[in-house]
Amino acid sequence: AGHLAELRRRVSMLEETIKELEAQQCHGIFIWRLKGFSALMRNQEAGLPVVEHSPGFYTGRPGYKLCLRLPCNTPAPAVSTILLFCPHYQGF
């Protein structure tokens, strides 16, 4: 059981390494596919807090590491607003 747990941990680390390497290769072009967007909008209309974060990606190599944050807010009844923020991480 301990060996299996160690293998799962190593696989998880390798998957994160692959994601990080893929993020470094986007050359400033990032496509973020949101799953369940209609459900997000329904939750927004119901007044529930909805915030989605993209995976991190780099503007180039070397470059800035960014992510996208999509907070769906309803500032007034029956008015839907979508804002997109681009916070940055400390890069390499």
PDB file of N, CA and C in Angstrom:
ATOM      1  N   ALA A   1       0.823  -1.196   0.000  1.00  0.00           N
ATOM      2  CA  ALA A   1       0.000   0.000   0.000  1.00  0.00           C
ATOM      3  C   ALA A   1       0.864   1.256   0.000  1.00  0.00           C
ATOM      4  N   GLY A   2       1.982   1.212   0.760  1.00  0.00           N
ATOM      5  CA  GLY A   2       2.887   2.358   0.802  1.00  0.00           C
ATOM      6  C   GLY A   2       3.546   2.612  -0.541  1.00  0.00           C
ATOM      7  N   HIS A   3       3.883   1.540  -1.242  1.00  0.00           N
ATOM      8  CA  HIS A   3       4.503   1.667  -2.567  1.00  0.00           C
ATOM      9  C   HIS A   3       3.525   2.276  -3.571  1.00  0.00           C
ATOM     10  N   LEU A   4       2.269   1.862  -3.500  1.00  0.00           N
ATOM     11  CA  LEU A   4       1.245   2.401  -4.397  1.00  0.00           C
ATOM     12  C   LEU A   4       1.025   3.888  -4.131  1.00  0.00           C
ATOM     13  N   ALA A   5       1.000   4.274  -2.860  1.00  0.00           N
ATOM     14  CA  ALA A   5       0.830   5.692  -2.506  1.00  0.00           C
ATOM     15  C   ALA A   5       2.003   6.514  -3.037  1.00  0.00           C
ATOM     16  N   GLU A   6       3.211   5.970  -2.934  1.00  0.00           N
ATOM     17  CA  GLU A   6       4.391   6.667  -3.444  1.00  0.00           C
ATOM     18  C   GLU A   6       4.318   6.817  -4.959  1.00  0.00           C
ATOM     19  N   LEU A   7       3.881   5.771  -5.655  1.00  0.00           N
ATOM     20  CA  LEU A   7       3.727   5.856  -7.109  1.00  0.00           C
ATOM     21  C   LEU A   7       2.688   6.896  -7.491  1.00  0.00           C
ATOM     22  N   ARG A   8       1.590   6.956  -6.778  1.00  0.00           N
ATOM     23  CA  ARG A   8       0.549   7.969  -7.066  1.00  0.00           C
ATOM     24  C   ARG A   8       1.089   9.371  -6.840  1.00  0.00           C
ATOM     25  N   ARG A   9       1.871   9.543  -5.777  1.00  0.00           N
ATOM     26  CA  ARG A   9       2.455  10.852  -5.497  1.00  0.00           C
ATOM     27  C   ARG A   9       3.409  11.259  -6.628  1.00  0.00           C
ATOM     28  N   ARG A  10       4.222  10.314  -7.094  1.00  0.00           N
ATOM     29  CA  ARG A  10       5.163  10.609  -8.177  1.00  0.00           C
ATOM     30  C   ARG A  10       4.439  10.917  -9.482  1.00  0.00           C
ATOM     31  N   VAL A  11       3.373  10.185  -9.774  1.00  0.00           N
ATOM     32  CA  VAL A  11       2.583  10.463 -10.975  1.00  0.00           C
ATOM     33  C   VAL A  11       1.978  11.860 -10.882  1.00  0.00           C
ATOM     34  N   SER A  12       1.468  12.220  -9.719  1.00  0.00           N
ATOM     35  CA  SER A  12       0.893  13.554  -9.527  1.00  0.00           C
ATOM     36  C   SER A  12       1.956  14.634  -9.738  1.00  0.00           C
ATOM     37  N   MET A  13       3.159  14.417  -9.206  1.00  0.00           N
ATOM     38  CA  MET A  13       4.247  15.382  -9.403  1.00  0.00           C
ATOM     39  C   MET A  13       4.610  15.505 -10.881  1.00  0.00           C
ATOM     40  N   LEU A  14       4.659  14.389 -11.591  1.00  0.00           N
ATOM     41  CA  LEU A  14       4.976  14.421 -13.020  1.00  0.00           C
ATOM     42  C   LEU A  14       3.893  15.134 -13.817  1.00  0.00           C
ATOM     43  N   GLU A  15       2.635  14.924 -13.456  1.00  0.00           N
ATOM     44  CA  GLU A  15       1.549  15.622 -14.141  1.00  0.00           C
ATOM     45  C   GLU A  15       1.665  17.126 -13.942  1.00  0.00           C
ATOM     46  N   GLU A  16       2.010  17.565 -12.732  1.00  0.00           N
ATOM     47  CA  GLU A  16       2.192  18.993 -12.478  1.00  0.00           C
ATOM     48  C   GLU A  16       3.379  19.541 -13.265  1.00  0.00           C
ATOM     49  N   THR A  17       4.455  18.777 -13.358  1.00  0.00           N
ATOM     50  CA  THR A  17       5.613  19.189 -14.140  1.00  0.00           C
ATOM     51  C   THR A  17       5.245  19.345 -15.609  1.00  0.00           C
ATOM     52  N   ILE A  18       4.469  18.416 -16.139  1.00  0.00           N
ATOM     53  CA  ILE A  18       4.027  18.501 -17.536  1.00  0.00           C
ATOM     54  C   ILE A  18       3.172  19.743 -17.751  1.00  0.00           C
ATOM     55  N   LYS A  19       2.244  20.019 -16.828  1.00  0.00           N
ATOM     56  CA  LYS A  19       1.405  21.223 -16.951  1.00  0.00           C
ATOM     57  C   LYS A  19       2.267  22.475 -16.962  1.00  0.00           C
ATOM     58  N   GLU A  20       3.267  22.520 -16.085  1.00  0.00           N
ATOM     59  CA  GLU A  20       4.147  23.681 -16.015  1.00  0.00           C
ATOM     60  C   GLU A  20       4.933  23.843 -17.312  1.00  0.00           C
ATOM     61  N   LEU A  21       5.457  22.760 -17.865  1.00  0.00           N
ATOM     62  CA  LEU A  21       6.197  22.825 -19.126  1.00  0.00           C
ATOM     63  C   LEU A  21       5.293  23.235 -20.280  1.00  0.00           C
ATOM     64  N   GLU A  22       4.075  22.716 -20.308  1.00  0.00           N
ATOM     65  CA  GLU A  22       3.133  23.114 -21.361  1.00  0.00           C
ATOM     66  C   GLU A  22       2.799  24.589 -21.243  1.00  0.00           C
ATOM     67  N   ALA A  23       2.665  25.095 -20.029  1.00  0.00           N
ATOM     68  CA  ALA A  23       2.341  26.509 -19.820  1.00  0.00           C
ATOM     69  C   ALA A  23       3.459  27.407 -20.331  1.00  0.00           C
ATOM     70  N   GLN A  24       4.700  26.922 -20.292  1.00  0.00           N
ATOM     71  CA  GLN A  24       5.834  27.719 -20.744  1.00  0.00           C
ATOM     72  C   GLN A  24       5.923  27.776 -22.261  1.00  0.00           C
ATOM     73  N   GLN A  25       5.204  26.938 -22.951  1.00  0.00           N
ATOM     74  CA  GLN A  25       5.320  26.842 -24.406  1.00  0.00           C
ATOM     75  C   GLN A  25       4.189  27.524 -25.161  1.00  0.00           C
ATOM     76  N   CYS A  26       3.348  28.314 -24.491  1.00  0.00           N
ATOM     77  CA  CYS A  26       2.187  28.889 -25.192  1.00  0.00           C
ATOM     78  C   CYS A  26       2.543  30.144 -25.980  1.00  0.00           C
ATOM     79  N   HIS A  27       3.720  30.762 -25.741  1.00  0.00           N
ATOM     80  CA  HIS A  27       4.179  31.940 -26.478  1.00  0.00           C
ATOM     81  C   HIS A  27       3.156  33.073 -26.463  1.00  0.00           C
ATOM     82  N   GLY A  28       2.506  33.272 -25.307  1.00  0.00           N
ATOM     83  CA  GLY A  28       1.576  34.380 -25.162  1.00  0.00           C
ATOM     84  C   GLY A  28       0.192  34.117 -25.718  1.00  0.00           C
ATOM     85  N   ILE A  29      -0.049  32.949 -26.291  1.00  0.00           N
ATOM     86  CA  ILE A  29      -1.377  32.610 -26.803  1.00  0.00           C
ATOM     87  C   ILE A  29      -1.956  31.539 -25.884  1.00  0.00           C
ATOM     88  N   PHE A  30      -3.055  31.861 -25.252  1.00  0.00           N
ATOM     89  CA  PHE A  30      -3.643  30.935 -24.299  1.00  0.00           C
ATOM     90  C   PHE A  30      -5.126  30.779 -24.605  1.00  0.00           C
ATOM     91  N   ILE A  31      -5.574  29.556 -24.734  1.00  0.00           N
ATOM     92  CA  ILE A  31      -6.993  29.272 -24.960  1.00  0.00           C
ATOM     93  C   ILE A  31      -7.523  28.616 -23.704  1.00  0.00           C
ATOM     94  N   TRP A  32      -8.491  29.262 -23.102  1.00  0.00           N
ATOM     95  CA  TRP A  32      -9.079  28.769 -21.851  1.00  0.00           C
ATOM     96  C   TRP A  32     -10.486  28.294 -22.150  1.00  0.00           C
ATOM     97  N   ARG A  33     -10.695  27.016 -22.046  1.00  0.00           N
ATOM     98  CA  ARG A  33     -12.019  26.450 -22.285  1.00  0.00           C
ATOM     99  C   ARG A  33     -12.716  26.257 -20.948  1.00  0.00           C
ATOM    100  N   LEU A  34     -13.767  27.012 -20.742  1.00  0.00           N
ATOM    101  CA  LEU A  34     -14.551  26.900 -19.516  1.00  0.00           C
ATOM    102  C   LEU A  34     -15.575  25.794 -19.685  1.00  0.00           C
ATOM    103  N   LYS A  35     -15.601  24.886 -18.746  1.00  0.00           N
ATOM    104  CA  LYS A  35     -16.602  23.823 -18.781  1.00  0.00           C
ATOM    105  C   LYS A  35     -17.803  24.257 -17.950  1.00  0.00           C
ATOM    106  N   GLY A  36     -18.985  23.982 -18.441  1.00  0.00           N
ATOM    107  CA  GLY A  36     -20.198  24.296 -17.694  1.00  0.00           C
ATOM    108  C   GLY A  36     -20.488  25.781 -17.600  1.00  0.00           C
ATOM    109  N   PHE A  37     -20.213  26.539 -18.662  1.00  0.00           N
ATOM    110  CA  PHE A  37     -20.413  27.986 -18.620  1.00  0.00           C
ATOM    111  C   PHE A  37     -21.873  28.349 -18.347  1.00  0.00           C
ATOM    112  N   SER A  38     -22.806  27.603 -18.917  1.00  0.00           N
ATOM    113  CA  SER A  38     -24.228  27.886 -18.678  1.00  0.00           C
ATOM    114  C   SER A  38     -24.568  27.734 -17.201  1.00  0.00           C
ATOM    115  N   ALA A  39     -23.996  26.715 -16.554  1.00  0.00           N
ATOM    116  CA  ALA A  39     -24.243  26.517 -15.121  1.00  0.00           C
ATOM    117  C   ALA A  39     -23.631  27.663 -14.317  1.00  0.00           C
ATOM    118  N   LEU A  40     -22.460  28.142 -14.727  1.00  0.00           N
ATOM    119  CA  LEU A  40     -21.853  29.287 -14.047  1.00  0.00           C
ATOM    120  C   LEU A  40     -22.762  30.508 -14.133  1.00  0.00           C
ATOM    121  N   MET A  41     -23.316  30.737 -15.310  1.00  0.00           N
ATOM    122  CA  MET A  41     -24.196  31.891 -15.493  1.00  0.00           C
ATOM    123  C   MET A  41     -25.486  31.732 -14.691  1.00  0.00           C
ATOM    124  N   ARG A  42     -26.021  30.510 -14.621  1.00  0.00           N
ATOM    125  CA  ARG A  42     -27.224  30.291 -13.803  1.00  0.00           C
ATOM    126  C   ARG A  42     -26.924  30.558 -12.328  1.00  0.00           C
ATOM    127  N   ASN A  43     -25.770  30.110 -11.863  1.00  0.00           N
ATOM    128  CA  ASN A  43     -25.384  30.369 -10.475  1.00  0.00           C
ATOM    129  C   ASN A  43     -25.223  31.861 -10.224  1.00  0.00           C
ATOM    130  N   GLN A  44     -24.668  32.556 -11.205  1.00  0.00           N
ATOM    131  CA  GLN A  44     -24.528  34.009 -11.089  1.00  0.00           C
ATOM    132  C   GLN A  44     -25.902  34.661 -10.975  1.00  0.00           C
ATOM    133  N   GLU A  45     -26.824  34.266 -11.833  1.00  0.00           N
ATOM    134  CA  GLU A  45     -28.165  34.842 -11.817  1.00  0.00           C
ATOM    135  C   GLU A  45     -28.907  34.527 -10.519  1.00  0.00           C
ATOM    136  N   ALA A  46     -28.548  33.394  -9.883  1.00  0.00           N
ATOM    137  CA  ALA A  46     -29.153  33.023  -8.605  1.00  0.00           C
ATOM    138  C   ALA A  46     -28.508  33.771  -7.440  1.00  0.00           C
ATOM    139  N   GLY A  47     -27.492  34.588  -7.731  1.00  0.00           N
ATOM    140  CA  GLY A  47     -26.844  35.365  -6.690  1.00  0.00           C
ATOM    141  C   GLY A  47     -25.728  34.629  -5.964  1.00  0.00           C
ATOM    142  N   LEU A  48     -25.331  33.466  -6.493  1.00  0.00           N
ATOM    143  CA  LEU A  48     -24.249  32.714  -5.873  1.00  0.00           C
ATOM    144  C   LEU A  48     -22.903  33.267  -6.336  1.00  0.00           C
ATOM    145  N   PRO A  49     -21.908  33.286  -5.451  1.00  0.00           N
ATOM    146  CA  PRO A  49     -20.594  33.776  -5.888  1.00  0.00           C
ATOM    147  C   PRO A  49     -19.949  32.793  -6.863  1.00  0.00           C
ATOM    148  N   VAL A  50     -19.513  33.298  -7.983  1.00  0.00           N
ATOM    149  CA  VAL A  50     -18.886  32.466  -9.012  1.00  0.00           C
ATOM    150  C   VAL A  50     -17.545  33.082  -9.370  1.00  0.00           C
ATOM    151  N   VAL A  51     -16.473  32.335  -9.134  1.00  0.00           N
ATOM    152  CA  VAL A  51     -15.132  32.773  -9.526  1.00  0.00           C
ATOM    153  C   VAL A  51     -14.411  31.561 -10.108  1.00  0.00           C
ATOM    154  N   GLU A  52     -13.914  31.701 -11.312  1.00  0.00           N
ATOM    155  CA  GLU A  52     -13.163  30.642 -11.977  1.00  0.00           C
ATOM    156  C   GLU A  52     -11.739  31.132 -12.215  1.00  0.00           C
ATOM    157  N   HIS A  53     -10.760  30.253 -12.054  1.00  0.00           N
ATOM    158  CA  HIS A  53      -9.354  30.564 -12.317  1.00  0.00           C
ATOM    159  C   HIS A  53      -8.825  29.635 -13.407  1.00  0.00           C
ATOM    160  N   SER A  54      -8.092  30.208 -14.340  1.00  0.00           N
ATOM    161  CA  SER A  54      -7.464  29.397 -15.385  1.00  0.00           C
ATOM    162  C   SER A  54      -6.177  28.795 -14.836  1.00  0.00           C
ATOM    163  N   PRO A  55      -5.652  27.804 -15.537  1.00  0.00           N
ATOM    164  CA  PRO A  55      -4.300  27.359 -15.197  1.00  0.00           C
ATOM    165  C   PRO A  55      -3.312  28.481 -15.508  1.00  0.00           C
ATOM    166  N   GLY A  56      -2.157  28.464 -14.867  1.00  0.00           N
ATOM    167  CA  GLY A  56      -1.140  29.465 -15.160  1.00  0.00           C
ATOM    168  C   GLY A  56      -0.537  29.239 -16.537  1.00  0.00           C
ATOM    169  N   PHE A  57      -0.080  30.310 -17.175  1.00  0.00           N
ATOM    170  CA  PHE A  57       0.597  30.222 -18.468  1.00  0.00           C
ATOM    171  C   PHE A  57       1.617  31.342 -18.558  1.00  0.00           C
ATOM    172  N   TYR A  58       2.587  31.201 -19.438  1.00  0.00           N
ATOM    173  CA  TYR A  58       3.664  32.178 -19.587  1.00  0.00           C
ATOM    174  C   TYR A  58       3.488  32.975 -20.872  1.00  0.00           C
ATOM    175  N   THR A  59       3.957  34.219 -20.834  1.00  0.00           N
ATOM    176  CA  THR A  59       3.903  35.066 -22.032  1.00  0.00           C
ATOM    177  C   THR A  59       4.986  34.680 -23.027  1.00  0.00           C
ATOM    178  N   GLY A  60       5.988  33.997 -22.602  1.00  0.00           N
ATOM    179  CA  GLY A  60       7.090  33.561 -23.450  1.00  0.00           C
ATOM    180  C   GLY A  60       8.161  32.938 -22.578  1.00  0.00           C
ATOM    181  N   ARG A  61       9.320  32.708 -23.158  1.00  0.00           N
ATOM    182  CA  ARG A  61      10.421  32.136 -22.385  1.00  0.00           C
ATOM    183  C   ARG A  61      11.655  32.976 -22.633  1.00  0.00           C
ATOM    184  N   PRO A  62      12.190  33.719 -21.707  1.00  0.00           N
ATOM    185  CA  PRO A  62      11.596  33.969 -20.395  1.00  0.00           C
ATOM    186  C   PRO A  62      10.381  34.870 -20.539  1.00  0.00           C
ATOM    187  N   GLY A  63       9.570  34.918 -19.535  1.00  0.00           N
ATOM    188  CA  GLY A  63       8.385  35.753 -19.601  1.00  0.00           C
ATOM    189  C   GLY A  63       7.657  35.794 -18.282  1.00  0.00           C
ATOM    190  N   TYR A  64       6.512  36.439 -18.312  1.00  0.00           N
ATOM    191  CA  TYR A  64       5.679  36.559 -17.131  1.00  0.00           C
ATOM    192  C   TYR A  64       4.751  35.356 -17.033  1.00  0.00           C
ATOM    193  N   LYS A  65       4.509  34.916 -15.821  1.00  0.00           N
ATOM    194  CA  LYS A  65       3.522  33.867 -15.606  1.00  0.00           C
ATOM    195  C   LYS A  65       2.213  34.543 -15.212  1.00  0.00           C
ATOM    196  N   LEU A  66       1.175  34.231 -15.960  1.00  0.00           N
ATOM    197  CA  LEU A  66      -0.134  34.839 -15.735  1.00  0.00           C
ATOM    198  C   LEU A  66      -1.179  33.759 -15.512  1.00  0.00           C
ATOM    199  N   CYS A  67      -2.307  34.178 -15.013  1.00  0.00           N
ATOM    200  CA  CYS A  67      -3.500  33.333 -15.016  1.00  0.00           C
ATOM    201  C   CYS A  67      -4.665  34.266 -15.264  1.00  0.00           C
ATOM    202  N   LEU A  68      -5.791  33.719 -15.586  1.00  0.00           N
ATOM    203  CA  LEU A  68      -6.993  34.511 -15.791  1.00  0.00           C
ATOM    204  C   LEU A  68      -7.974  34.193 -14.680  1.00  0.00           C
ATOM    205  N   ARG A  69      -8.655  35.218 -14.210  1.00  0.00           N
ATOM    206  CA  ARG A  69      -9.662  35.038 -13.169  1.00  0.00           C
ATOM    207  C   ARG A  69     -10.967  35.620 -13.689  1.00  0.00           C
ATOM    208  N   LEU A  70     -11.990  34.825 -13.640  1.00  0.00           N
ATOM    209  CA  LEU A  70     -13.306  35.228 -14.128  1.00  0.00           C
ATOM    210  C   LEU A  70     -14.282  35.265 -12.963  1.00  0.00           C
ATOM    211  N   PRO A  71     -14.471  36.461 -12.350  1.00  0.00           N
ATOM    212  CA  PRO A  71     -15.489  36.579 -11.321  1.00  0.00           C
ATOM    213  C   PRO A  71     -16.797  37.021 -11.979  1.00  0.00           C
ATOM    214  N   CYS A  72     -17.825  36.231 -11.872  1.00  0.00           N
ATOM    215  CA  CYS A  72     -19.123  36.598 -12.437  1.00  0.00           C
ATOM    216  C   CYS A  72     -19.927  37.271 -11.334  1.00  0.00           C
ATOM    217  N   ASN A  73     -20.250  38.519 -11.538  1.00  0.00           N
ATOM    218  CA  ASN A  73     -20.993  39.292 -10.549  1.00  0.00           C
ATOM    219  C   ASN A  73     -22.255  39.849 -11.177  1.00  0.00           C
ATOM    220  N   THR A  74     -23.247  40.042 -10.348  1.00  0.00           N
ATOM    221  CA  THR A  74     -24.471  40.676 -10.808  1.00  0.00           C
ATOM    222  C   THR A  74     -24.606  42.011 -10.086  1.00  0.00           C
ATOM    223  N   PRO A  75     -24.189  43.120 -10.721  1.00  0.00           N
ATOM    224  CA  PRO A  75     -24.246  44.411 -10.035  1.00  0.00           C
ATOM    225  C   PRO A  75     -25.661  44.956  -9.866  1.00  0.00           C
ATOM    226  N   ALA A  76     -26.567  44.552 -10.732  1.00  0.00           N
ATOM    227  CA  ALA A  76     -27.951  45.029 -10.640  1.00  0.00           C
ATOM    228  C   ALA A  76     -28.864  43.890 -11.087  1.00  0.00           C
ATOM    229  N   PRO A  77     -30.100  43.872 -10.628  1.00  0.00           N
ATOM    230  CA  PRO A  77     -30.996  42.792 -11.057  1.00  0.00           C
ATOM    231  C   PRO A  77     -31.124  42.726 -12.574  1.00  0.00           C
ATOM    232  N   ALA A  78     -31.117  41.523 -13.077  1.00  0.00           N
ATOM    233  CA  ALA A  78     -31.318  41.240 -14.505  1.00  0.00           C
ATOM    234  C   ALA A  78     -30.202  41.800 -15.388  1.00  0.00           C
ATOM    235  N   VAL A  79     -29.062  42.146 -14.801  1.00  0.00           N
ATOM    236  CA  VAL A  79     -27.931  42.610 -15.592  1.00  0.00           C
ATOM    237  C   VAL A  79     -26.765  41.669 -15.332  1.00  0.00           C
ATOM    238  N   SER A  80     -26.300  41.001 -16.362  1.00  0.00           N
ATOM    239  CA  SER A  80     -25.170  40.090 -16.220  1.00  0.00           C
ATOM    240  C   SER A  80     -23.908  40.773 -16.703  1.00  0.00           C
ATOM    241  N   THR A  81     -22.870  40.678 -15.916  1.00  0.00           N
ATOM    242  CA  THR A  81     -21.600  41.288 -16.252  1.00  0.00           C
ATOM    243  C   THR A  81     -20.513  40.231 -16.145  1.00  0.00           C
ATOM    244  N   ILE A  82     -19.631  40.206 -17.103  1.00  0.00           N
ATOM    245  CA  ILE A  82     -18.486  39.309 -17.049  1.00  0.00           C
ATOM    246  C   ILE A  82     -17.234  40.169 -17.082  1.00  0.00           C
ATOM    247  N   LEU A  83     -16.424  40.038 -16.031  1.00  0.00           N
ATOM    248  CA  LEU A  83     -15.154  40.734 -15.945  1.00  0.00           C
ATOM    249  C   LEU A  83     -14.047  39.704 -16.026  1.00  0.00           C
ATOM    250  N   LEU A  84     -12.953  40.057 -16.648  1.00  0.00           N
ATOM    251  CA  LEU A  84     -11.826  39.146 -16.763  1.00  0.00           C
ATOM    252  C   LEU A  84     -10.599  39.842 -16.206  1.00  0.00           C
ATOM    253  N   PHE A  85     -10.003  39.274 -15.162  1.00  0.00           N
ATOM    254  CA  PHE A  85      -8.801  39.821 -14.550  1.00  0.00           C
ATOM    255  C   PHE A  85      -7.609  38.970 -14.942  1.00  0.00           C
ATOM    256  N   CYS A  86      -6.460  39.589 -14.970  1.00  0.00           N
ATOM    257  CA  CYS A  86      -5.242  38.871 -15.352  1.00  0.00           C
ATOM    258  C   CYS A  86      -4.171  39.101 -14.281  1.00  0.00           C
ATOM    259  N   PRO A  87      -4.281  38.398 -13.135  1.00  0.00           N
ATOM    260  CA  PRO A  87      -3.215  38.531 -12.132  1.00  0.00           C
ATOM    261  C   PRO A  87      -1.947  37.864 -12.617  1.00  0.00           C
ATOM    262  N   HIS A  88      -0.808  38.270 -12.089  1.00  0.00           N
ATOM    263  CA  HIS A  88       0.452  37.656 -12.517  1.00  0.00           C
ATOM    264  C   HIS A  88       1.165  37.009 -11.339  1.00  0.00           C
ATOM    265  N   TYR A  89       2.002  36.062 -11.665  1.00  0.00           N
ATOM    266  CA  TYR A  89       2.813  35.366 -10.686  1.00  0.00           C
ATOM    267  C   TYR A  89       4.239  35.842 -10.813  1.00  0.00           C
ATOM    268  N   GLN A  90       5.049  35.502  -9.850  1.00  0.00           N
ATOM    269  CA  GLN A  90       6.472  35.764  -9.981  1.00  0.00           C
ATOM    270  C   GLN A  90       7.015  34.750 -10.978  1.00  0.00           C
ATOM    271  N   GLY A  91       7.676  35.223 -12.020  1.00  0.00           N
ATOM    272  CA  GLY A  91       8.127  34.356 -13.100  1.00  0.00           C
ATOM    273  C   GLY A  91       9.495  33.763 -12.870  1.00  0.00           C
ATOM    274  N   PHE A  92      10.022  33.149 -13.935  1.00  0.00           N
ATOM    275  CA  PHE A  92      11.351  32.542 -13.839  1.00  0.00           C
ATOM    276  C   PHE A  92      12.348  33.346 -14.623  1.00  0.00           C
TER     277      PHE A  92
END
